[in-house]
Amino acid sequence: MAVRLALALIVALTLGCTPQTIVRTETVEVEVPVPVERKPPEFLLAPVSAPVPEFVAPSHADASSALTPQGEVALKKLILSLTERLGQWRAWATTQ
């Protein structure tokens, strides 16, 4: 019985003497760059103002490539306008 009492006393004293871990918490502000949506310029949002070609049947008298000669000119202007607009979008997207 005395051995049990001594053992219990040693365990109780040992547990009371163990170092306790103190946890300190500090809030630290860290500046992180946040992506911000850029608004494109108005001229890039405006509709493309190129004439739209009018396709005709291949059996049409003036048809070449399903377009009249005026339609081919209109298609070339449309393609050039869209290509130019694409270049403008790329230039805007790659600037800071």
Protein backbone atom coordinates (compact mmCIF):
# COMPACT_ATOMS: atom_id res chain seq x y z
CA MET A 1 0.00 0.00 0.00
CA ALA A 2 2.82 2.37 0.86
CA VAL A 3 4.42 1.58 -2.49
CA ARG A 4 1.23 2.53 -4.31
CA LEU A 5 0.93 5.73 -2.33
CA ALA A 6 4.54 6.62 -3.03
CA LEU A 7 4.12 5.83 -6.72
CA ALA A 8 0.97 7.97 -6.93
CA LEU A 9 2.77 10.80 -5.13
CA ILE A 10 5.73 10.61 -7.55
CA VAL A 11 3.42 10.59 -10.59
CA ALA A 12 1.44 13.56 -9.26
CA LEU A 13 4.60 15.56 -8.55
CA THR A 14 6.11 14.65 -11.90
CA LEU A 15 3.03 15.71 -13.83
CA GLY A 16 2.87 19.00 -11.99
CA CYS A 17 6.50 19.80 -12.82
CA THR A 18 6.38 19.23 -16.58
CA PRO A 19 6.99 22.37 -18.63
CA GLN A 20 3.89 23.80 -20.20
CA THR A 21 3.95 25.04 -23.76
CA ILE A 22 2.81 28.61 -24.09
CA VAL A 23 1.28 29.42 -27.44
CA ARG A 24 1.49 33.04 -28.54
CA THR A 25 -0.46 34.22 -31.52
CA GLU A 26 0.32 37.41 -33.38
CA THR A 27 -1.55 38.87 -36.30
CA VAL A 28 0.81 40.06 -39.00
CA GLU A 29 -0.33 42.02 -42.04
CA VAL A 30 1.21 40.69 -45.24
CA GLU A 31 0.84 42.70 -48.41
CA VAL A 32 0.06 40.44 -51.34
CA PRO A 33 -0.63 41.77 -54.83
CA VAL A 34 -4.23 41.13 -55.82
CA PRO A 35 -5.19 40.90 -59.48
CA VAL A 36 -7.53 43.69 -60.53
CA GLU A 37 -9.74 43.46 -63.57
CA ARG A 38 -8.80 46.05 -66.15
CA LYS A 39 -11.47 47.70 -68.24
CA PRO A 40 -10.68 47.67 -71.98
CA PRO A 41 -10.80 50.98 -73.85
CA GLU A 42 -14.07 51.92 -75.52
CA PHE A 43 -12.68 51.64 -79.05
CA LEU A 44 -12.05 47.93 -78.48
CA LEU A 45 -15.60 47.40 -77.26
CA ALA A 46 -17.16 49.21 -80.22
CA PRO A 47 -18.58 47.01 -82.98
CA VAL A 48 -16.39 46.47 -86.03
CA SER A 49 -17.57 48.82 -88.72
CA ALA A 50 -16.72 46.89 -91.86
CA PRO A 51 -19.23 46.01 -94.55
CA VAL A 52 -20.55 42.48 -94.35
CA PRO A 53 -20.29 40.63 -97.67
CA GLU A 54 -23.40 39.22 -99.27
CA PHE A 55 -22.98 35.66 -100.45
CA VAL A 56 -24.63 34.58 -103.69
CA ALA A 57 -25.36 31.23 -105.23
CA PRO A 58 -22.52 29.68 -107.25
CA SER A 59 -24.78 29.76 -110.29
CA HIS A 60 -25.13 33.56 -110.08
CA ALA A 61 -23.75 35.31 -113.15
CA ASP A 62 -21.35 37.55 -111.21
CA ALA A 63 -20.31 34.89 -108.69
CA SER A 64 -16.71 33.99 -108.07
CA SER A 65 -16.10 32.05 -104.84
CA ALA A 66 -19.81 32.47 -103.96
CA LEU A 67 -19.28 36.24 -103.78
CA THR A 68 -19.74 39.03 -106.22
CA PRO A 69 -16.66 41.19 -106.86
CA GLN A 70 -18.11 43.78 -104.46
CA GLY A 71 -18.68 41.01 -101.91
CA GLU A 72 -15.05 39.92 -102.21
CA VAL A 73 -13.90 43.49 -101.53
CA ALA A 74 -16.28 43.67 -98.54
CA LEU A 75 -14.97 40.33 -97.21
CA LYS A 76 -11.36 41.51 -97.52
CA LYS A 77 -12.22 44.72 -95.63
CA LEU A 78 -13.97 42.71 -92.92
CA ILE A 79 -11.00 40.36 -92.53
CA LEU A 80 -8.58 43.29 -92.38
CA SER A 81 -10.75 45.07 -89.79
CA LEU A 82 -10.99 41.96 -87.62
CA THR A 83 -7.25 41.30 -87.92
CA GLU A 84 -6.50 44.89 -86.93
CA ARG A 85 -8.91 44.64 -83.97
CA LEU A 86 -7.24 41.40 -82.85
CA GLY A 87 -3.86 43.13 -82.92
CA GLN A 88 -5.28 45.99 -80.83
CA TRP A 89 -6.68 43.53 -78.27
CA ARG A 90 -3.32 41.77 -78.04
CA ALA A 91 -1.46 45.07 -77.65
CA TRP A 92 -3.86 46.16 -74.90
CA ALA A 93 -3.66 42.79 -73.12
CA THR A 94 0.14 42.78 -73.01
CA THR A 95 0.53 46.33 -71.63
CA GLN A 96 0.64 46.95 -67.91
